[in-house]
């Protein structure tokens, strides 16, 4: 039986945490506003912006570990929920908050379980699981029982989110070597 290597993470300082929470909150609030504007009968603008939240969570998970990524998801959820109530409808805010929290925690869990496999598996499969859960939870809570053609929007948004999730592998790969990799021992003393 092979043992997986022990992974050590860089501690997240308060500025990094604040920046991560603000980034996550901005993505979610922006997506909550954009989801209210359909591009056509099967797609909203929110589908184009929301997958960036998975990229942020995956970079945090890679560099700081799953616990830090979960803390950012919890606080980002609270910030986005409070702001979204004022900028979007309460139903959109509730649906988004519930979907965001479920999806982010799923993405973080899957990513963490797959972190020691090929570099692309953790962000790709975590993103697929998270985007799928997010889309089903969000559209069913936000639009079920309304005149909005939510089933076709759900299908279109999910398809676009899955394509964007695959496209996000390129920036993840580029950024993980610069932003998301642990600092080399002695790097702080060299500065």
N, C-alpha and C. Protein backbone atom coordinates (compact mmCIF):
# COMPACT_ATOMS: atom_id res chain seq x y z
N UNK A 1 0.84 -1.17 0.00
CA UNK A 1 0.00 0.00 0.00
C UNK A 1 0.90 1.24 0.00
N UNK A 2 0.65 2.16 -0.94
CA UNK A 2 1.47 3.36 -1.00
C UNK A 2 0.88 4.45 -0.13
N UNK A 3 1.76 5.21 0.47
CA UNK A 3 1.33 6.31 1.32
C UNK A 3 1.44 7.61 0.54
N UNK A 4 0.47 8.48 0.73
CA UNK A 4 0.54 9.78 0.08
C UNK A 4 1.48 10.66 0.88
N UNK A 5 2.22 11.54 0.19
CA UNK A 5 3.14 12.41 0.92
C UNK A 5 2.37 13.39 1.81
N UNK A 6 3.01 13.76 2.89
CA UNK A 6 2.42 14.75 3.78
C UNK A 6 2.53 16.11 3.11
N UNK A 7 1.45 16.85 3.13
CA UNK A 7 1.42 18.16 2.52
C UNK A 7 1.47 19.20 3.62
N UNK A 8 2.38 20.15 3.48
CA UNK A 8 2.40 21.24 4.46
C UNK A 8 1.92 22.51 3.76
N UNK A 9 1.20 23.32 4.51
CA UNK A 9 0.62 24.52 3.94
C UNK A 9 1.21 25.75 4.58
N UNK A 10 1.21 26.82 3.81
CA UNK A 10 1.66 28.11 4.31
C UNK A 10 0.51 28.70 5.12
N UNK A 11 0.80 29.26 6.30
CA UNK A 11 -0.29 29.90 7.05
C UNK A 11 -0.79 31.15 6.32
N UNK A 12 -2.08 31.36 6.40
CA UNK A 12 -2.69 32.52 5.74
C UNK A 12 -2.65 33.70 6.71
N UNK A 13 -2.08 34.82 6.26
CA UNK A 13 -2.07 35.99 7.13
C UNK A 13 -3.38 36.76 6.97
N UNK A 14 -3.59 37.75 7.83
CA UNK A 14 -4.88 38.46 7.85
C UNK A 14 -5.15 39.22 6.55
N UNK A 15 -4.13 39.76 5.91
CA UNK A 15 -4.35 40.48 4.64
C UNK A 15 -4.76 39.51 3.54
N UNK A 16 -4.12 38.36 3.49
CA UNK A 16 -4.49 37.36 2.50
C UNK A 16 -5.91 36.88 2.72
N UNK A 17 -6.27 36.67 3.97
CA UNK A 17 -7.62 36.23 4.31
C UNK A 17 -8.64 37.29 3.90
N UNK A 18 -8.39 38.54 4.23
CA UNK A 18 -9.29 39.63 3.88
C UNK A 18 -9.43 39.76 2.36
N UNK A 19 -8.33 39.69 1.64
CA UNK A 19 -8.37 39.76 0.18
C UNK A 19 -9.16 38.59 -0.41
N UNK A 20 -8.96 37.40 0.13
CA UNK A 20 -9.68 36.21 -0.36
C UNK A 20 -11.18 36.34 -0.11
N UNK A 21 -11.56 36.80 1.09
CA UNK A 21 -12.98 36.97 1.41
C UNK A 21 -13.61 38.03 0.53
N UNK A 22 -12.91 39.15 0.35
CA UNK A 22 -13.45 40.22 -0.50
C UNK A 22 -13.59 39.77 -1.95
N UNK A 23 -12.61 39.02 -2.44
CA UNK A 23 -12.67 38.50 -3.81
C UNK A 23 -13.85 37.55 -3.96
N UNK A 24 -13.98 36.62 -3.02
CA UNK A 24 -15.07 35.65 -3.08
C UNK A 24 -16.42 36.37 -2.98
N UNK A 25 -16.53 37.31 -2.07
CA UNK A 25 -17.77 38.07 -1.91
C UNK A 25 -18.13 38.84 -3.18
N UNK A 26 -17.13 39.47 -3.79
CA UNK A 26 -17.38 40.24 -5.02
C UNK A 26 -17.86 39.34 -6.16
N UNK A 27 -17.27 38.16 -6.27
CA UNK A 27 -17.68 37.22 -7.33
C UNK A 27 -19.12 36.79 -7.11
N UNK A 28 -19.47 36.45 -5.88
CA UNK A 28 -20.82 35.96 -5.60
C UNK A 28 -21.85 37.08 -5.75
N UNK A 29 -21.57 38.25 -5.19
CA UNK A 29 -22.52 39.36 -5.31
C UNK A 29 -22.69 39.74 -6.78
N UNK A 30 -21.59 39.85 -7.49
CA UNK A 30 -21.68 40.17 -8.92
C UNK A 30 -22.48 39.13 -9.69
N UNK A 31 -22.26 37.88 -9.38
CA UNK A 31 -23.00 36.82 -10.05
C UNK A 31 -24.48 36.84 -9.68
N UNK A 32 -24.79 37.20 -8.44
CA UNK A 32 -26.19 37.30 -8.02
C UNK A 32 -26.93 38.40 -8.78
N UNK A 33 -26.24 39.45 -9.07
CA UNK A 33 -26.84 40.52 -9.87
C UNK A 33 -26.96 40.06 -11.33
N UNK A 34 -25.89 39.49 -11.85
CA UNK A 34 -25.86 39.09 -13.26
C UNK A 34 -26.83 37.96 -13.59
N UNK A 35 -27.13 37.08 -12.63
CA UNK A 35 -28.03 35.95 -12.90
C UNK A 35 -29.46 36.43 -13.16
N UNK A 36 -29.76 37.65 -12.80
CA UNK A 36 -31.10 38.20 -13.02
C UNK A 36 -31.29 38.71 -14.44
N UNK A 37 -30.22 38.68 -15.24
CA UNK A 37 -30.27 39.18 -16.61
C UNK A 37 -29.97 38.06 -17.60
N UNK A 38 -31.00 37.50 -18.22
CA UNK A 38 -30.77 36.43 -19.19
C UNK A 38 -30.09 36.96 -20.45
N UNK A 39 -29.22 36.15 -21.00
CA UNK A 39 -28.62 36.43 -22.31
C UNK A 39 -29.59 35.96 -23.38
N UNK A 40 -30.19 34.81 -23.14
CA UNK A 40 -31.19 34.23 -24.03
C UNK A 40 -32.08 33.30 -23.18
N UNK A 41 -32.81 32.39 -23.81
CA UNK A 41 -33.74 31.53 -23.05
C UNK A 41 -33.04 30.46 -22.22
N UNK A 42 -31.75 30.26 -22.43
CA UNK A 42 -31.08 29.18 -21.71
C UNK A 42 -29.81 29.60 -20.98
N UNK A 43 -29.56 30.91 -20.89
CA UNK A 43 -28.30 31.34 -20.28
C UNK A 43 -28.44 32.71 -19.63
N UNK A 44 -27.83 32.87 -18.44
CA UNK A 44 -27.77 34.18 -17.79
C UNK A 44 -26.31 34.63 -17.74
N UNK A 45 -26.12 35.91 -17.49
CA UNK A 45 -24.76 36.46 -17.37
C UNK A 45 -24.03 35.88 -16.16
N UNK A 46 -24.77 35.46 -15.15
CA UNK A 46 -24.14 34.91 -13.95
C UNK A 46 -23.34 33.64 -14.20
N UNK A 47 -23.73 32.89 -15.21
CA UNK A 47 -23.00 31.65 -15.54
C UNK A 47 -21.58 31.94 -16.00
N UNK A 48 -21.36 33.14 -16.51
CA UNK A 48 -20.03 33.49 -17.01
C UNK A 48 -19.09 33.94 -15.89
N UNK A 49 -19.65 34.50 -14.82
CA UNK A 49 -18.81 35.02 -13.74
C UNK A 49 -18.63 34.05 -12.58
N UNK A 50 -19.63 33.28 -12.27
CA UNK A 50 -19.60 32.46 -11.05
C UNK A 50 -18.49 31.40 -11.01
N UNK A 51 -18.14 30.74 -12.11
CA UNK A 51 -17.09 29.71 -12.03
C UNK A 51 -15.74 30.22 -11.52
N UNK A 52 -15.53 31.53 -11.54
CA UNK A 52 -14.28 32.07 -11.01
C UNK A 52 -14.18 31.81 -9.51
N UNK A 53 -15.31 31.68 -8.84
CA UNK A 53 -15.29 31.37 -7.40
C UNK A 53 -14.61 30.03 -7.14
N UNK A 54 -14.77 29.06 -8.03
CA UNK A 54 -14.12 27.76 -7.85
C UNK A 54 -12.61 27.88 -8.06
N UNK A 55 -12.19 28.73 -9.00
CA UNK A 55 -10.76 28.96 -9.21
C UNK A 55 -10.14 29.55 -7.93
N UNK A 56 -10.80 30.54 -7.35
CA UNK A 56 -10.31 31.15 -6.11
C UNK A 56 -10.22 30.11 -5.00
N UNK A 57 -11.28 29.33 -4.80
CA UNK A 57 -11.28 28.30 -3.75
C UNK A 57 -10.18 27.27 -3.98
N UNK A 58 -9.97 26.87 -5.22
CA UNK A 58 -8.96 25.86 -5.51
C UNK A 58 -7.54 26.39 -5.28
N UNK A 59 -7.30 27.65 -5.62
CA UNK A 59 -5.99 28.24 -5.36
C UNK A 59 -5.73 28.35 -3.85
N UNK A 60 -6.77 28.75 -3.12
CA UNK A 60 -6.64 28.82 -1.66
C UNK A 60 -6.38 27.43 -1.07
N UNK A 61 -7.11 26.45 -1.57
CA UNK A 61 -6.98 25.08 -1.09
C UNK A 61 -5.57 24.55 -1.37
N UNK A 62 -5.05 24.83 -2.55
CA UNK A 62 -3.71 24.35 -2.92
C UNK A 62 -2.64 24.98 -2.04
N UNK A 63 -2.72 26.28 -1.82
CA UNK A 63 -1.67 26.98 -1.07
C UNK A 63 -1.84 26.89 0.45
N UNK A 64 -3.07 27.10 0.93
CA UNK A 64 -3.28 27.23 2.37
C UNK A 64 -3.98 26.03 3.00
N UNK A 65 -4.50 25.12 2.18
CA UNK A 65 -5.17 23.94 2.69
C UNK A 65 -6.68 24.08 2.74
N UNK A 66 -7.32 22.94 2.94
CA UNK A 66 -8.79 22.89 2.92
C UNK A 66 -9.41 23.69 4.06
N UNK A 67 -8.80 23.68 5.23
CA UNK A 67 -9.38 24.42 6.37
C UNK A 67 -9.43 25.91 6.08
N UNK A 68 -8.37 26.47 5.52
CA UNK A 68 -8.36 27.90 5.18
C UNK A 68 -9.38 28.20 4.08
N UNK A 69 -9.46 27.33 3.09
CA UNK A 69 -10.43 27.53 2.01
C UNK A 69 -11.86 27.50 2.55
N UNK A 70 -12.12 26.60 3.50
CA UNK A 70 -13.46 26.54 4.12
C UNK A 70 -13.76 27.81 4.91
N UNK A 71 -12.78 28.33 5.64
CA UNK A 71 -12.99 29.58 6.40
C UNK A 71 -13.35 30.72 5.46
N UNK A 72 -12.66 30.82 4.35
CA UNK A 72 -12.97 31.86 3.36
C UNK A 72 -14.37 31.64 2.80
N UNK A 73 -14.74 30.39 2.53
CA UNK A 73 -16.08 30.10 2.01
C UNK A 73 -17.15 30.50 3.02
N UNK A 74 -16.96 30.20 4.29
CA UNK A 74 -17.96 30.54 5.32
C UNK A 74 -18.12 32.06 5.45
N UNK A 75 -17.01 32.77 5.55
CA UNK A 75 -17.09 34.23 5.72
C UNK A 75 -17.54 34.87 4.42
N UNK A 76 -17.05 34.38 3.28
CA UNK A 76 -17.50 34.90 1.99
C UNK A 76 -18.99 34.70 1.80
N UNK A 77 -19.50 33.58 2.27
CA UNK A 77 -20.94 33.31 2.22
C UNK A 77 -21.71 34.36 3.02
N UNK A 78 -21.28 34.64 4.24
CA UNK A 78 -21.97 35.63 5.07
C UNK A 78 -21.93 37.03 4.45
N UNK A 79 -20.75 37.43 3.98
CA UNK A 79 -20.60 38.74 3.35
C UNK A 79 -21.49 38.84 2.12
N UNK A 80 -21.41 37.85 1.26
CA UNK A 80 -22.20 37.87 0.02
C UNK A 80 -23.70 37.84 0.31
N UNK A 81 -24.11 37.08 1.31
CA UNK A 81 -25.53 37.00 1.64
C UNK A 81 -26.07 38.35 2.11
N UNK A 82 -25.34 38.99 2.99
CA UNK A 82 -25.77 40.30 3.51
C UNK A 82 -25.84 41.33 2.38
N UNK A 83 -24.81 41.41 1.57
CA UNK A 83 -24.77 42.39 0.48
C UNK A 83 -25.81 42.05 -0.58
N UNK A 84 -25.97 40.78 -0.88
CA UNK A 84 -26.91 40.37 -1.93
C UNK A 84 -28.36 40.67 -1.58
N UNK A 85 -28.69 40.66 -0.31
CA UNK A 85 -30.06 40.98 0.08
C UNK A 85 -30.42 42.39 -0.37
N UNK A 86 -29.43 43.30 -0.35
CA UNK A 86 -29.68 44.68 -0.77
C UNK A 86 -29.59 44.86 -2.28
N UNK A 87 -28.72 44.09 -2.94
CA UNK A 87 -28.48 44.30 -4.37
C UNK A 87 -29.27 43.36 -5.28
N UNK A 88 -29.72 42.27 -4.75
CA UNK A 88 -30.53 41.32 -5.51
C UNK A 88 -31.81 41.09 -4.70
N UNK A 89 -32.70 40.29 -5.21
CA UNK A 89 -33.91 40.00 -4.44
C UNK A 89 -33.57 39.08 -3.28
N UNK A 90 -34.36 39.11 -2.20
CA UNK A 90 -34.09 38.21 -1.07
C UNK A 90 -34.09 36.74 -1.49
N UNK A 91 -34.98 36.36 -2.40
CA UNK A 91 -35.02 34.97 -2.84
C UNK A 91 -33.74 34.59 -3.59
N UNK A 92 -33.25 35.48 -4.44
CA UNK A 92 -31.98 35.24 -5.15
C UNK A 92 -30.85 35.14 -4.13
N UNK A 93 -30.84 36.04 -3.15
CA UNK A 93 -29.79 36.03 -2.14
C UNK A 93 -29.80 34.72 -1.35
N UNK A 94 -30.97 34.26 -0.93
CA UNK A 94 -31.08 33.01 -0.19
C UNK A 94 -30.65 31.82 -1.04
N UNK A 95 -31.15 31.77 -2.27
CA UNK A 95 -30.79 30.67 -3.18
C UNK A 95 -29.30 30.65 -3.45
N UNK A 96 -28.76 31.83 -3.68
CA UNK A 96 -27.33 31.92 -3.96
C UNK A 96 -26.49 31.52 -2.76
N UNK A 97 -26.88 32.00 -1.59
CA UNK A 97 -26.11 31.66 -0.40
C UNK A 97 -26.11 30.17 -0.13
N UNK A 98 -27.26 29.55 -0.21
CA UNK A 98 -27.37 28.11 0.00
C UNK A 98 -26.57 27.34 -1.04
N UNK A 99 -26.75 27.71 -2.31
CA UNK A 99 -26.03 27.03 -3.39
C UNK A 99 -24.53 27.24 -3.27
N UNK A 100 -24.11 28.47 -2.97
CA UNK A 100 -22.69 28.79 -2.83
C UNK A 100 -22.04 27.95 -1.75
N UNK A 101 -22.65 27.93 -0.57
CA UNK A 101 -22.05 27.21 0.53
C UNK A 101 -21.96 25.71 0.24
N UNK A 102 -23.03 25.12 -0.25
CA UNK A 102 -23.01 23.68 -0.60
C UNK A 102 -21.96 23.40 -1.67
N UNK A 103 -21.93 24.22 -2.71
CA UNK A 103 -21.03 23.99 -3.84
C UNK A 103 -19.56 24.19 -3.44
N UNK A 104 -19.28 25.26 -2.69
CA UNK A 104 -17.90 25.52 -2.30
C UNK A 104 -17.36 24.43 -1.37
N UNK A 105 -18.18 24.01 -0.41
CA UNK A 105 -17.72 22.96 0.51
C UNK A 105 -17.51 21.64 -0.23
N UNK A 106 -18.35 21.37 -1.23
CA UNK A 106 -18.17 20.17 -2.05
C UNK A 106 -16.89 20.27 -2.86
N UNK A 107 -16.68 21.40 -3.52
CA UNK A 107 -15.47 21.62 -4.32
C UNK A 107 -14.22 21.47 -3.44
N UNK A 108 -14.23 22.09 -2.28
CA UNK A 108 -13.08 22.04 -1.38
C UNK A 108 -12.81 20.60 -0.93
N UNK A 109 -13.87 19.86 -0.60
CA UNK A 109 -13.72 18.47 -0.17
C UNK A 109 -13.14 17.60 -1.30
N UNK A 110 -13.74 17.69 -2.48
CA UNK A 110 -13.26 16.88 -3.61
C UNK A 110 -11.82 17.25 -3.96
N UNK A 111 -11.54 18.55 -4.01
CA UNK A 111 -10.18 19.00 -4.31
C UNK A 111 -9.19 18.42 -3.30
N UNK A 112 -9.51 18.52 -2.03
CA UNK A 112 -8.60 18.04 -0.99
C UNK A 112 -8.37 16.54 -1.10
N UNK A 113 -9.41 15.78 -1.42
CA UNK A 113 -9.26 14.33 -1.57
C UNK A 113 -8.40 13.95 -2.77
N UNK A 114 -8.39 14.80 -3.80
CA UNK A 114 -7.66 14.49 -5.04
C UNK A 114 -6.36 15.28 -5.19
N UNK A 115 -5.98 16.04 -4.18
CA UNK A 115 -4.87 16.98 -4.32
C UNK A 115 -3.55 16.33 -4.72
N UNK A 116 -3.31 15.09 -4.39
CA UNK A 116 -2.04 14.44 -4.69
C UNK A 116 -2.06 13.63 -5.98
N UNK A 117 -3.09 13.78 -6.76
CA UNK A 117 -3.15 13.12 -8.07
C UNK A 117 -2.65 14.10 -9.13
N UNK A 118 -2.85 13.79 -10.37
CA UNK A 118 -2.42 14.70 -11.43
C UNK A 118 -2.94 16.10 -11.16
N UNK A 119 -2.17 17.11 -11.54
CA UNK A 119 -2.47 18.50 -11.16
C UNK A 119 -3.86 18.96 -11.56
N UNK A 120 -4.42 18.45 -12.64
CA UNK A 120 -5.69 18.93 -13.18
C UNK A 120 -6.90 18.23 -12.57
N UNK A 121 -6.72 17.06 -11.98
CA UNK A 121 -7.88 16.30 -11.49
C UNK A 121 -8.62 17.01 -10.36
N UNK A 122 -7.90 17.50 -9.38
CA UNK A 122 -8.55 18.13 -8.23
C UNK A 122 -9.37 19.36 -8.64
N UNK A 123 -8.79 20.32 -9.38
CA UNK A 123 -9.62 21.48 -9.74
C UNK A 123 -10.72 21.13 -10.74
N UNK A 124 -10.45 20.21 -11.64
CA UNK A 124 -11.48 19.88 -12.65
C UNK A 124 -12.65 19.14 -12.02
N UNK A 125 -12.38 18.07 -11.30
CA UNK A 125 -13.47 17.27 -10.73
C UNK A 125 -14.16 17.98 -9.57
N UNK A 126 -13.40 18.73 -8.77
CA UNK A 126 -14.02 19.55 -7.73
C UNK A 126 -14.93 20.60 -8.33
N UNK A 127 -14.48 21.23 -9.41
CA UNK A 127 -15.30 22.23 -10.10
C UNK A 127 -16.55 21.65 -10.73
N UNK A 128 -16.44 20.47 -11.32
CA UNK A 128 -17.61 19.81 -11.91
C UNK A 128 -18.64 19.50 -10.82
N UNK A 129 -18.17 18.92 -9.72
CA UNK A 129 -19.09 18.59 -8.62
C UNK A 129 -19.72 19.85 -8.04
N UNK A 130 -18.90 20.86 -7.79
CA UNK A 130 -19.40 22.10 -7.22
C UNK A 130 -20.35 22.84 -8.14
N UNK A 131 -19.99 22.97 -9.42
CA UNK A 131 -20.85 23.69 -10.37
C UNK A 131 -22.18 22.99 -10.57
N UNK A 132 -22.16 21.67 -10.61
CA UNK A 132 -23.39 20.92 -10.79
C UNK A 132 -24.32 21.11 -9.59
N UNK A 133 -23.77 20.94 -8.38
CA UNK A 133 -24.58 21.12 -7.18
C UNK A 133 -25.08 22.56 -7.08
N UNK A 134 -24.20 23.51 -7.31
CA UNK A 134 -24.58 24.93 -7.24
C UNK A 134 -25.73 25.24 -8.19
N UNK A 135 -25.64 24.79 -9.41
CA UNK A 135 -26.64 25.11 -10.42
C UNK A 135 -28.00 24.51 -10.07
N UNK A 136 -28.03 23.25 -9.66
CA UNK A 136 -29.31 22.62 -9.31
C UNK A 136 -29.93 23.26 -8.07
N UNK A 137 -29.12 23.51 -7.05
CA UNK A 137 -29.67 24.12 -5.83
C UNK A 137 -30.13 25.54 -6.13
N UNK A 138 -29.29 26.34 -6.79
CA UNK A 138 -29.65 27.74 -7.03
C UNK A 138 -30.93 27.88 -7.85
N UNK A 139 -30.99 27.26 -9.02
CA UNK A 139 -32.15 27.47 -9.89
C UNK A 139 -33.43 26.90 -9.30
N UNK A 140 -33.34 25.78 -8.59
CA UNK A 140 -34.57 25.24 -8.01
C UNK A 140 -35.09 26.09 -6.86
N UNK A 141 -34.21 26.65 -6.05
CA UNK A 141 -34.64 27.51 -4.95
C UNK A 141 -35.04 28.90 -5.46
N UNK A 142 -34.27 29.45 -6.39
CA UNK A 142 -34.51 30.83 -6.84
C UNK A 142 -35.73 30.96 -7.74
N UNK A 143 -35.99 29.98 -8.58
CA UNK A 143 -36.99 30.19 -9.62
C UNK A 143 -38.12 29.18 -9.69
N UNK A 144 -38.06 28.09 -8.92
CA UNK A 144 -39.16 27.11 -8.96
C UNK A 144 -40.46 27.80 -8.55
N UNK A 145 -41.53 27.52 -9.29
CA UNK A 145 -42.82 28.12 -8.99
C UNK A 145 -43.01 29.52 -9.53
N UNK A 146 -42.04 29.99 -10.31
CA UNK A 146 -42.17 31.32 -10.92
C UNK A 146 -42.36 31.15 -12.42
N UNK A 147 -42.57 32.25 -13.12
CA UNK A 147 -42.74 32.22 -14.57
C UNK A 147 -41.40 32.13 -15.32
N UNK A 148 -40.31 32.22 -14.59
CA UNK A 148 -38.98 32.14 -15.21
C UNK A 148 -38.78 30.73 -15.76
N UNK A 149 -38.30 30.61 -17.01
CA UNK A 149 -38.05 29.27 -17.58
C UNK A 149 -36.78 28.66 -16.98
N UNK A 150 -36.86 28.33 -15.70
CA UNK A 150 -35.67 27.97 -14.95
C UNK A 150 -35.04 26.64 -15.35
N UNK A 151 -35.81 25.72 -15.86
CA UNK A 151 -35.21 24.43 -16.25
C UNK A 151 -34.29 24.61 -17.46
N UNK A 152 -34.73 25.40 -18.43
CA UNK A 152 -33.85 25.64 -19.58
C UNK A 152 -32.66 26.52 -19.17
N UNK A 153 -32.88 27.47 -18.27
CA UNK A 153 -31.77 28.29 -17.77
C UNK A 153 -30.77 27.42 -16.99
N UNK A 154 -31.30 26.49 -16.19
CA UNK A 154 -30.44 25.58 -15.44
C UNK A 154 -29.55 24.78 -16.40
N UNK A 155 -30.15 24.22 -17.43
CA UNK A 155 -29.38 23.40 -18.38
C UNK A 155 -28.32 24.23 -19.10
N UNK A 156 -28.70 25.41 -19.55
CA UNK A 156 -27.75 26.27 -20.25
C UNK A 156 -26.65 26.76 -19.35
N UNK A 157 -27.01 27.22 -18.15
CA UNK A 157 -26.00 27.70 -17.21
C UNK A 157 -25.03 26.58 -16.82
N UNK A 158 -25.56 25.39 -16.57
CA UNK A 158 -24.69 24.29 -16.19
C UNK A 158 -23.71 23.96 -17.32
N UNK A 159 -24.20 23.90 -18.53
CA UNK A 159 -23.31 23.60 -19.66
C UNK A 159 -22.19 24.63 -19.76
N UNK A 160 -22.54 25.90 -19.65
CA UNK A 160 -21.53 26.96 -19.74
C UNK A 160 -20.57 26.89 -18.55
N UNK A 161 -21.09 26.67 -17.35
CA UNK A 161 -20.22 26.56 -16.18
C UNK A 161 -19.23 25.41 -16.32
N UNK A 162 -19.67 24.30 -16.87
CA UNK A 162 -18.77 23.16 -17.04
C UNK A 162 -17.68 23.45 -18.08
N UNK A 163 -18.05 24.16 -19.14
CA UNK A 163 -17.04 24.56 -20.14
C UNK A 163 -16.05 25.54 -19.51
N UNK A 164 -16.56 26.53 -18.78
CA UNK A 164 -15.68 27.51 -18.14
C UNK A 164 -14.81 26.82 -17.10
N UNK A 165 -15.35 25.84 -16.38
CA UNK A 165 -14.56 25.08 -15.42
C UNK A 165 -13.35 24.45 -16.11
N UNK A 166 -13.55 23.89 -17.29
CA UNK A 166 -12.43 23.29 -18.03
C UNK A 166 -11.45 24.37 -18.48
N UNK A 167 -11.96 25.50 -18.93
CA UNK A 167 -11.09 26.60 -19.35
C UNK A 167 -10.29 27.15 -18.18
N UNK A 168 -10.85 27.14 -16.97
CA UNK A 168 -10.18 27.66 -15.78
C UNK A 168 -8.96 26.82 -15.38
N UNK A 169 -8.78 25.65 -15.99
CA UNK A 169 -7.59 24.85 -15.70
C UNK A 169 -6.32 25.58 -16.13
N UNK A 170 -6.40 26.34 -17.23
CA UNK A 170 -5.21 27.07 -17.70
C UNK A 170 -4.76 28.13 -16.69
N UNK A 171 -5.66 29.02 -16.23
CA UNK A 171 -5.19 29.97 -15.22
C UNK A 171 -4.82 29.30 -13.90
N UNK A 172 -5.51 28.21 -13.54
CA UNK A 172 -5.15 27.50 -12.32
C UNK A 172 -3.71 27.00 -12.41
N UNK A 173 -3.39 26.37 -13.52
CA UNK A 173 -2.04 25.82 -13.72
C UNK A 173 -0.99 26.94 -13.65
N UNK A 174 -1.27 28.06 -14.32
CA UNK A 174 -0.33 29.17 -14.32
C UNK A 174 -0.19 29.79 -12.92
N UNK A 175 -1.31 29.99 -12.25
CA UNK A 175 -1.29 30.65 -10.95
C UNK A 175 -0.81 29.75 -9.82
N UNK A 176 -1.03 28.45 -9.93
CA UNK A 176 -0.64 27.59 -8.81
C UNK A 176 0.87 27.58 -8.64
N UNK A 177 1.61 27.82 -9.69
CA UNK A 177 3.07 27.83 -9.56
C UNK A 177 3.57 29.15 -8.97
N UNK A 178 2.77 30.19 -9.05
CA UNK A 178 3.19 31.49 -8.52
C UNK A 178 2.48 31.86 -7.23
N UNK A 179 1.17 31.78 -7.21
CA UNK A 179 0.39 32.20 -6.05
C UNK A 179 0.07 31.07 -5.10
N UNK A 180 -0.13 29.88 -5.61
CA UNK A 180 -0.68 28.81 -4.80
C UNK A 180 0.34 27.80 -4.31
N UNK A 181 1.58 27.94 -4.68
CA UNK A 181 2.55 26.96 -4.19
C UNK A 181 3.14 27.41 -2.86
N UNK A 182 3.48 26.48 -2.02
CA UNK A 182 4.10 26.85 -0.75
C UNK A 182 5.42 27.58 -0.98
N UNK A 183 5.70 28.51 -0.12
CA UNK A 183 6.97 29.25 -0.22
C UNK A 183 8.14 28.30 0.06
N UNK A 184 9.25 28.55 -0.59
CA UNK A 184 10.44 27.74 -0.36
C UNK A 184 11.01 28.07 1.02
N UNK A 185 11.57 27.07 1.68
CA UNK A 185 12.18 27.35 3.00
C UNK A 185 13.26 28.43 2.84
N UNK A 186 13.25 29.39 3.73
CA UNK A 186 14.23 30.46 3.67
C UNK A 186 13.87 31.62 2.77
N UNK A 187 12.75 31.52 2.05
CA UNK A 187 12.36 32.57 1.11
C UNK A 187 12.05 33.88 1.84
N UNK A 188 11.46 33.79 3.03
CA UNK A 188 11.12 35.00 3.79
C UNK A 188 12.40 35.72 4.25
N UNK A 189 13.43 34.95 4.64
CA UNK A 189 14.66 35.56 5.10
C UNK A 189 15.39 36.26 3.96
N UNK A 190 15.20 35.78 2.72
CA UNK A 190 15.89 36.35 1.56
C UNK A 190 15.33 37.71 1.19
N UNK A 191 14.13 38.03 1.62
CA UNK A 191 13.52 39.32 1.24
C UNK A 191 14.09 40.44 1.99
